[in-house]
């Protein structure tokens, strides 16, 4: 029996992933022809994907061109407020429902990520994977869907708070505390630890922005 080929990502997913990993950062101009050549697809699905991303406010108009949107101070604050509450809930549910294997994966992620402390961009990507694993460990598909939307908007931030001096090491210590609370099946502590983790990340981001004003 022939093995099934993995499904191909459509143009929308390809562009979204490129924004998420920083190939296209806030302010970057997206050109249909260039995108079609990069991803090896025709211009029609690219055009449809760009229209969809614009509708979702991930792209914005600059004259006749589409550029990757960026978040202002108010939008960033609003996004962190929503993210903090939803991720706190995810940690609480993970403490109740995560399988032992999922907890071991989380522990392994924290240890493996220590090798990335000198590479903020790689650590940022690993950070997203860690948080995604907590979402999945909540075993609540509706919560995972909402958090996917939130994290999609997080890609519109031009920089990562993990680039701040000492933040990477602190963040991993906070990750370890979150995982320990989940392993202890202590939902209240897990939720509190994750909310504090995001509050600290937001504060670091605000301080970095203030230095660059």
C-alpha atoms as a PDB file:
ATOM      1  CA  UNK A   1       0.000   0.000   0.000  1.00  0.00           C
ATOM      2  CA  UNK A   2       1.419   3.369  -1.064  1.00  0.00           C
ATOM      3  CA  UNK A   3       2.330   5.751   1.701  1.00  0.00           C
ATOM      4  CA  UNK A   4       0.275   8.915   1.751  1.00  0.00           C
ATOM      5  CA  UNK A   5       2.158  12.121   1.073  1.00  0.00           C
ATOM      6  CA  UNK A   6       1.969  14.750   3.800  1.00  0.00           C
ATOM      7  CA  UNK A   7      -0.490  17.529   2.945  1.00  0.00           C
ATOM      8  CA  UNK A   8       1.053  20.589   1.325  1.00  0.00           C
ATOM      9  CA  UNK A   9       0.750  23.895   3.110  1.00  0.00           C
ATOM     10  CA  UNK A  10      -1.377  26.405   1.256  1.00  0.00           C
ATOM     11  CA  UNK A  11      -0.264  29.940   0.422  1.00  0.00           C
ATOM     12  CA  UNK A  12      -1.930  31.382   3.508  1.00  0.00           C
ATOM     13  CA  UNK A  13      -0.075  29.048   5.859  1.00  0.00           C
ATOM     14  CA  UNK A  14       3.226  29.619   4.046  1.00  0.00           C
ATOM     15  CA  UNK A  15       3.011  33.408   4.342  1.00  0.00           C
ATOM     16  CA  UNK A  16       1.802  33.209   7.941  1.00  0.00           C
ATOM     17  CA  UNK A  17       4.699  30.940   8.869  1.00  0.00           C
ATOM     18  CA  UNK A  18       7.168  33.300   7.173  1.00  0.00           C
ATOM     19  CA  UNK A  19       5.818  36.191   9.256  1.00  0.00           C
ATOM     20  CA  UNK A  20       5.865  34.073  12.411  1.00  0.00           C
ATOM     21  CA  UNK A  21       9.533  33.071  12.061  1.00  0.00           C
ATOM     22  CA  UNK A  22      10.611  36.605  11.163  1.00  0.00           C
ATOM     23  CA  UNK A  23      11.316  36.266   7.446  1.00  0.00           C
ATOM     24  CA  UNK A  24       8.841  39.111   7.001  1.00  0.00           C
ATOM     25  CA  UNK A  25       8.892  41.483   9.957  1.00  0.00           C
ATOM     26  CA  UNK A  26       6.501  44.327  10.762  1.00  0.00           C
ATOM     27  CA  UNK A  27       6.782  46.956   8.051  1.00  0.00           C
ATOM     28  CA  UNK A  28       8.009  44.493   5.406  1.00  0.00           C
ATOM     29  CA  UNK A  29       6.365  44.907   2.001  1.00  0.00           C
ATOM     30  CA  UNK A  30       4.743  41.802   0.510  1.00  0.00           C
ATOM     31  CA  UNK A  31       4.781  41.543  -3.282  1.00  0.00           C
ATOM     32  CA  UNK A  32       2.671  38.929  -5.057  1.00  0.00           C
ATOM     33  CA  UNK A  33       5.264  37.976  -7.660  1.00  0.00           C
ATOM     34  CA  UNK A  34       8.089  37.640  -5.137  1.00  0.00           C
ATOM     35  CA  UNK A  35       5.925  35.514  -2.825  1.00  0.00           C
ATOM     36  CA  UNK A  36       4.819  33.287  -5.699  1.00  0.00           C
ATOM     37  CA  UNK A  37       8.446  32.687  -6.692  1.00  0.00           C
ATOM     38  CA  UNK A  38       9.574  32.084  -3.104  1.00  0.00           C
ATOM     39  CA  UNK A  39       6.883  29.504  -2.361  1.00  0.00           C
ATOM     40  CA  UNK A  40       6.561  28.000  -5.835  1.00  0.00           C
ATOM     41  CA  UNK A  41       2.849  28.687  -6.265  1.00  0.00           C
ATOM     42  CA  UNK A  42       0.809  30.752  -8.698  1.00  0.00           C
ATOM     43  CA  UNK A  43      -0.149  34.340  -7.997  1.00  0.00           C
ATOM     44  CA  UNK A  44      -3.869  33.616  -7.597  1.00  0.00           C
ATOM     45  CA  UNK A  45      -3.607  31.714  -4.268  1.00  0.00           C
ATOM     46  CA  UNK A  46      -1.026  34.277  -3.108  1.00  0.00           C
ATOM     47  CA  UNK A  47      -3.469  37.102  -3.855  1.00  0.00           C
ATOM     48  CA  UNK A  48      -6.266  35.290  -2.005  1.00  0.00           C
ATOM     49  CA  UNK A  49      -3.972  34.645   0.985  1.00  0.00           C
ATOM     50  CA  UNK A  50      -2.937  38.301   1.138  1.00  0.00           C
ATOM     51  CA  UNK A  51      -6.579  39.394   1.094  1.00  0.00           C
ATOM     52  CA  UNK A  52      -7.343  36.986   3.952  1.00  0.00           C
ATOM     53  CA  UNK A  53      -4.374  38.217   5.997  1.00  0.00           C
ATOM     54  CA  UNK A  54      -5.433  41.814   5.438  1.00  0.00           C
ATOM     55  CA  UNK A  55      -8.953  41.000   6.633  1.00  0.00           C
ATOM     56  CA  UNK A  56      -7.412  39.540   9.803  1.00  0.00           C
ATOM     57  CA  UNK A  57      -5.418  42.784  10.314  1.00  0.00           C
ATOM     58  CA  UNK A  58      -2.101  40.962   9.979  1.00  0.00           C
ATOM     59  CA  UNK A  59      -1.368  43.045   6.885  1.00  0.00           C
ATOM     60  CA  UNK A  60      -2.115  46.698   6.321  1.00  0.00           C
ATOM     61  CA  UNK A  61      -2.117  49.095   3.368  1.00  0.00           C
ATOM     62  CA  UNK A  62       0.710  51.485   2.591  1.00  0.00           C
ATOM     63  CA  UNK A  63      -0.566  53.256  -0.489  1.00  0.00           C
ATOM     64  CA  UNK A  64      -1.196  50.494  -2.999  1.00  0.00           C
ATOM     65  CA  UNK A  65       1.129  48.055  -1.244  1.00  0.00           C
ATOM     66  CA  UNK A  66       0.507  45.567   1.540  1.00  0.00           C
ATOM     67  CA  UNK A  67       2.918  45.497   4.459  1.00  0.00           C
ATOM     68  CA  UNK A  68       3.133  43.383   7.600  1.00  0.00           C
ATOM     69  CA  UNK A  69       1.226  45.219  10.310  1.00  0.00           C
ATOM     70  CA  UNK A  70       2.799  46.363  13.571  1.00  0.00           C
ATOM     71  CA  UNK A  71       1.291  46.848  17.007  1.00  0.00           C
ATOM     72  CA  UNK A  72       1.197  50.177  18.815  1.00  0.00           C
ATOM     73  CA  UNK A  73       1.439  50.522  22.602  1.00  0.00           C
ATOM     74  CA  UNK A  74      -2.306  50.155  23.215  1.00  0.00           C
ATOM     75  CA  UNK A  75      -2.601  47.103  20.957  1.00  0.00           C
ATOM     76  CA  UNK A  76       0.369  45.462  22.651  1.00  0.00           C
ATOM     77  CA  UNK A  77      -1.145  46.044  26.090  1.00  0.00           C
ATOM     78  CA  UNK A  78      -4.511  44.664  24.959  1.00  0.00           C
ATOM     79  CA  UNK A  79      -2.868  41.597  23.445  1.00  0.00           C
ATOM     80  CA  UNK A  80      -0.890  40.836  26.593  1.00  0.00           C
ATOM     81  CA  UNK A  81      -4.022  41.234  28.724  1.00  0.00           C
ATOM     82  CA  UNK A  82      -5.877  38.632  26.678  1.00  0.00           C
ATOM     83  CA  UNK A  83      -2.875  36.346  26.336  1.00  0.00           C
ATOM     84  CA  UNK A  84      -2.171  36.390  30.072  1.00  0.00           C
ATOM     85  CA  UNK A  85      -5.688  35.302  30.996  1.00  0.00           C
ATOM     86  CA  UNK A  86      -5.961  32.619  28.307  1.00  0.00           C
ATOM     87  CA  UNK A  87      -2.516  31.166  28.974  1.00  0.00           C
ATOM     88  CA  UNK A  88      -3.169  31.169  32.706  1.00  0.00           C
ATOM     89  CA  UNK A  89      -6.250  29.070  32.001  1.00  0.00           C
ATOM     90  CA  UNK A  90      -4.215  26.769  29.748  1.00  0.00           C
ATOM     91  CA  UNK A  91      -1.683  26.180  32.534  1.00  0.00           C
ATOM     92  CA  UNK A  92      -4.473  25.481  35.020  1.00  0.00           C
ATOM     93  CA  UNK A  93      -6.074  22.941  32.678  1.00  0.00           C
ATOM     94  CA  UNK A  94      -2.696  21.394  31.847  1.00  0.00           C
ATOM     95  CA  UNK A  95      -2.169  20.753  35.565  1.00  0.00           C
ATOM     96  CA  UNK A  96      -5.436  18.830  35.521  1.00  0.00           C
ATOM     97  CA  UNK A  97      -5.194  16.998  32.210  1.00  0.00           C
ATOM     98  CA  UNK A  98      -1.586  16.765  30.957  1.00  0.00           C
ATOM     99  CA  UNK A  99      -0.320  13.239  30.448  1.00  0.00           C
ATOM    100  CA  UNK A 100       2.924  12.245  32.132  1.00  0.00           C
ATOM    101  CA  UNK A 101       4.540  12.129  28.689  1.00  0.00           C
ATOM    102  CA  UNK A 102       3.495  15.722  27.971  1.00  0.00           C
ATOM    103  CA  UNK A 103       5.028  16.893  31.233  1.00  0.00           C
ATOM    104  CA  UNK A 104       8.296  15.119  30.403  1.00  0.00           C
ATOM    105  CA  UNK A 105       8.325  16.852  27.015  1.00  0.00           C
ATOM    106  CA  UNK A 106       7.896  20.224  28.724  1.00  0.00           C
ATOM    107  CA  UNK A 107      10.777  19.483  31.105  1.00  0.00           C
ATOM    108  CA  UNK A 108      12.987  18.406  28.205  1.00  0.00           C
ATOM    109  CA  UNK A 109      12.140  21.622  26.333  1.00  0.00           C
ATOM    110  CA  UNK A 110      13.274  23.788  29.236  1.00  0.00           C
ATOM    111  CA  UNK A 111      16.593  21.942  29.485  1.00  0.00           C
ATOM    112  CA  UNK A 112      17.207  21.940  25.727  1.00  0.00           C
ATOM    113  CA  UNK A 113      16.440  25.652  25.467  1.00  0.00           C
ATOM    114  CA  UNK A 114      19.341  26.506  27.791  1.00  0.00           C
ATOM    115  CA  UNK A 115      21.645  25.891  24.830  1.00  0.00           C
ATOM    116  CA  UNK A 116      19.965  28.808  23.018  1.00  0.00           C
ATOM    117  CA  UNK A 117      20.631  31.548  25.576  1.00  0.00           C
ATOM    118  CA  UNK A 118      23.123  33.281  23.270  1.00  0.00           C
ATOM    119  CA  UNK A 119      20.681  33.304  20.340  1.00  0.00           C
ATOM    120  CA  UNK A 120      17.568  35.415  21.163  1.00  0.00           C
ATOM    121  CA  UNK A 121      15.828  34.660  17.853  1.00  0.00           C
ATOM    122  CA  UNK A 122      16.251  30.891  18.250  1.00  0.00           C
ATOM    123  CA  UNK A 123      15.218  31.152  21.893  1.00  0.00           C
ATOM    124  CA  UNK A 124      12.125  33.114  20.838  1.00  0.00           C
ATOM    125  CA  UNK A 125      11.127  30.338  18.429  1.00  0.00           C
ATOM    126  CA  UNK A 126      11.721  27.743  21.157  1.00  0.00           C
ATOM    127  CA  UNK A 127       9.660  29.867  23.533  1.00  0.00           C
ATOM    128  CA  UNK A 128       6.703  29.744  21.146  1.00  0.00           C
ATOM    129  CA  UNK A 129       7.029  25.950  20.935  1.00  0.00           C
ATOM    130  CA  UNK A 130       7.080  25.689  24.736  1.00  0.00           C
ATOM    131  CA  UNK A 131       3.947  27.787  25.149  1.00  0.00           C
ATOM    132  CA  UNK A 132       2.222  25.869  22.346  1.00  0.00           C
ATOM    133  CA  UNK A 133       2.962  22.620  24.178  1.00  0.00           C
ATOM    134  CA  UNK A 134       1.230  23.978  27.282  1.00  0.00           C
ATOM    135  CA  UNK A 135      -1.771  24.959  25.155  1.00  0.00           C
ATOM    136  CA  UNK A 136      -1.985  21.419  23.792  1.00  0.00           C
ATOM    137  CA  UNK A 137      -1.560  19.941  27.262  1.00  0.00           C
ATOM    138  CA  UNK A 138      -4.702  21.787  28.354  1.00  0.00           C
ATOM    139  CA  UNK A 139      -6.644  19.282  26.233  1.00  0.00           C
ATOM    140  CA  UNK A 140      -9.177  21.972  25.311  1.00  0.00           C
ATOM    141  CA  UNK A 141      -9.470  22.453  21.556  1.00  0.00           C
ATOM    142  CA  UNK A 142     -11.407  25.717  21.811  1.00  0.00           C
ATOM    143  CA  UNK A 143      -8.814  27.292  24.072  1.00  0.00           C
ATOM    144  CA  UNK A 144      -6.039  26.133  21.730  1.00  0.00           C
ATOM    145  CA  UNK A 145      -7.821  27.783  18.795  1.00  0.00           C
ATOM    146  CA  UNK A 146      -8.103  31.103  20.606  1.00  0.00           C
ATOM    147  CA  UNK A 147      -4.487  31.004  21.711  1.00  0.00           C
ATOM    148  CA  UNK A 148      -3.414  30.296  18.126  1.00  0.00           C
ATOM    149  CA  UNK A 149      -5.071  33.557  17.122  1.00  0.00           C
ATOM    150  CA  UNK A 150      -3.365  35.436  19.950  1.00  0.00           C
ATOM    151  CA  UNK A 151       0.073  34.031  19.120  1.00  0.00           C
ATOM    152  CA  UNK A 152      -0.460  34.846  15.459  1.00  0.00           C
ATOM    153  CA  UNK A 153      -0.760  38.503  16.463  1.00  0.00           C
ATOM    154  CA  UNK A 154       2.333  38.216  18.693  1.00  0.00           C
ATOM    155  CA  UNK A 155       4.331  37.785  15.470  1.00  0.00           C
ATOM    156  CA  UNK A 156       3.562  41.434  14.694  1.00  0.00           C
ATOM    157  CA  UNK A 157       5.968  42.566  17.403  1.00  0.00           C
ATOM    158  CA  UNK A 158       9.224  43.622  15.803  1.00  0.00           C
ATOM    159  CA  UNK A 159      11.441  42.468  18.670  1.00  0.00           C
ATOM    160  CA  UNK A 160      11.471  39.791  21.336  1.00  0.00           C
ATOM    161  CA  UNK A 161      11.683  40.539  25.060  1.00  0.00           C
ATOM    162  CA  UNK A 162      14.123  37.623  25.253  1.00  0.00           C
ATOM    163  CA  UNK A 163      16.782  39.834  23.647  1.00  0.00           C
ATOM    164  CA  UNK A 164      16.990  41.958  26.811  1.00  0.00           C
ATOM    165  CA  UNK A 165      20.076  41.315  28.947  1.00  0.00           C
ATOM    166  CA  UNK A 166      19.497  38.411  31.326  1.00  0.00           C
ATOM    167  CA  UNK A 167      15.902  37.886  30.260  1.00  0.00           C
ATOM    168  CA  UNK A 168      16.500  34.557  28.536  1.00  0.00           C
ATOM    169  CA  UNK A 169      17.885  32.891  31.644  1.00  0.00           C
ATOM    170  CA  UNK A 170      15.137  34.350  33.833  1.00  0.00           C
ATOM    171  CA  UNK A 171      12.465  33.208  31.377  1.00  0.00           C
ATOM    172  CA  UNK A 172      13.742  29.632  31.432  1.00  0.00           C
ATOM    173  CA  UNK A 173      13.668  29.642  35.236  1.00  0.00           C
ATOM    174  CA  UNK A 174      10.069  30.837  35.035  1.00  0.00           C
ATOM    175  CA  UNK A 175       9.307  28.085  32.508  1.00  0.00           C
ATOM    176  CA  UNK A 176      10.748  25.516  34.892  1.00  0.00           C
ATOM    177  CA  UNK A 177       8.513  26.798  37.708  1.00  0.00           C
ATOM    178  CA  UNK A 178       5.434  26.559  35.466  1.00  0.00           C
ATOM    179  CA  UNK A 179       6.275  22.978  34.495  1.00  0.00           C
ATOM    180  CA  UNK A 180       6.865  22.010  38.140  1.00  0.00           C
ATOM    181  CA  UNK A 181       3.442  23.341  39.111  1.00  0.00           C
ATOM    182  CA  UNK A 182       1.842  21.398  36.254  1.00  0.00           C
ATOM    183  CA  UNK A 183       3.714  18.259  37.322  1.00  0.00           C
ATOM    184  CA  UNK A 184       2.496  18.800  40.900  1.00  0.00           C
ATOM    185  CA  UNK A 185      -1.081  19.012  39.538  1.00  0.00           C
ATOM    186  CA  UNK A 186      -1.366  22.410  41.223  1.00  0.00           C
ATOM    187  CA  UNK A 187      -3.598  24.383  38.849  1.00  0.00           C
ATOM    188  CA  UNK A 188      -3.668  27.561  40.940  1.00  0.00           C
ATOM    189  CA  UNK A 189       0.116  27.768  41.166  1.00  0.00           C
ATOM    190  CA  UNK A 190       0.567  26.892  37.484  1.00  0.00           C
ATOM    191  CA  UNK A 191      -1.849  29.623  36.405  1.00  0.00           C
ATOM    192  CA  UNK A 192      -0.265  32.161  38.742  1.00  0.00           C
ATOM    193  CA  UNK A 193       3.259  31.276  37.573  1.00  0.00           C
ATOM    194  CA  UNK A 194       2.344  31.615  33.920  1.00  0.00           C
ATOM    195  CA  UNK A 195       0.533  34.919  34.411  1.00  0.00           C
ATOM    196  CA  UNK A 196       3.536  36.274  36.344  1.00  0.00           C
ATOM    197  CA  UNK A 197       5.853  35.046  33.566  1.00  0.00           C
ATOM    198  CA  UNK A 198       3.916  36.993  30.933  1.00  0.00           C
ATOM    199  CA  UNK A 199       3.577  40.057  33.142  1.00  0.00           C
ATOM    200  CA  UNK A 200       7.357  40.132  33.542  1.00  0.00           C
ATOM    201  CA  UNK A 201       7.850  39.684  29.792  1.00  0.00           C
ATOM    202  CA  UNK A 202       5.514  42.610  29.105  1.00  0.00           C
ATOM    203  CA  UNK A 203       7.317  44.787  31.638  1.00  0.00           C
ATOM    204  CA  UNK A 204      10.687  43.975  30.065  1.00  0.00           C
ATOM    205  CA  UNK A 205       9.293  44.824  26.638  1.00  0.00           C
ATOM    206  CA  UNK A 206       7.968  48.172  27.875  1.00  0.00           C
ATOM    207  CA  UNK A 207      11.335  49.053  29.422  1.00  0.00           C
ATOM    208  CA  UNK A 208      13.134  48.188  26.180  1.00  0.00           C
ATOM    209  CA  UNK A 209      10.705  50.305  24.174  1.00  0.00           C
ATOM    210  CA  UNK A 210      11.156  53.231  26.580  1.00  0.00           C
ATOM    211  CA  UNK A 211      14.924  53.096  26.073  1.00  0.00           C
ATOM    212  CA  UNK A 212      14.467  53.386  22.324  1.00  0.00           C
ATOM    213  CA  UNK A 213      12.057  56.329  22.315  1.00  0.00           C
END
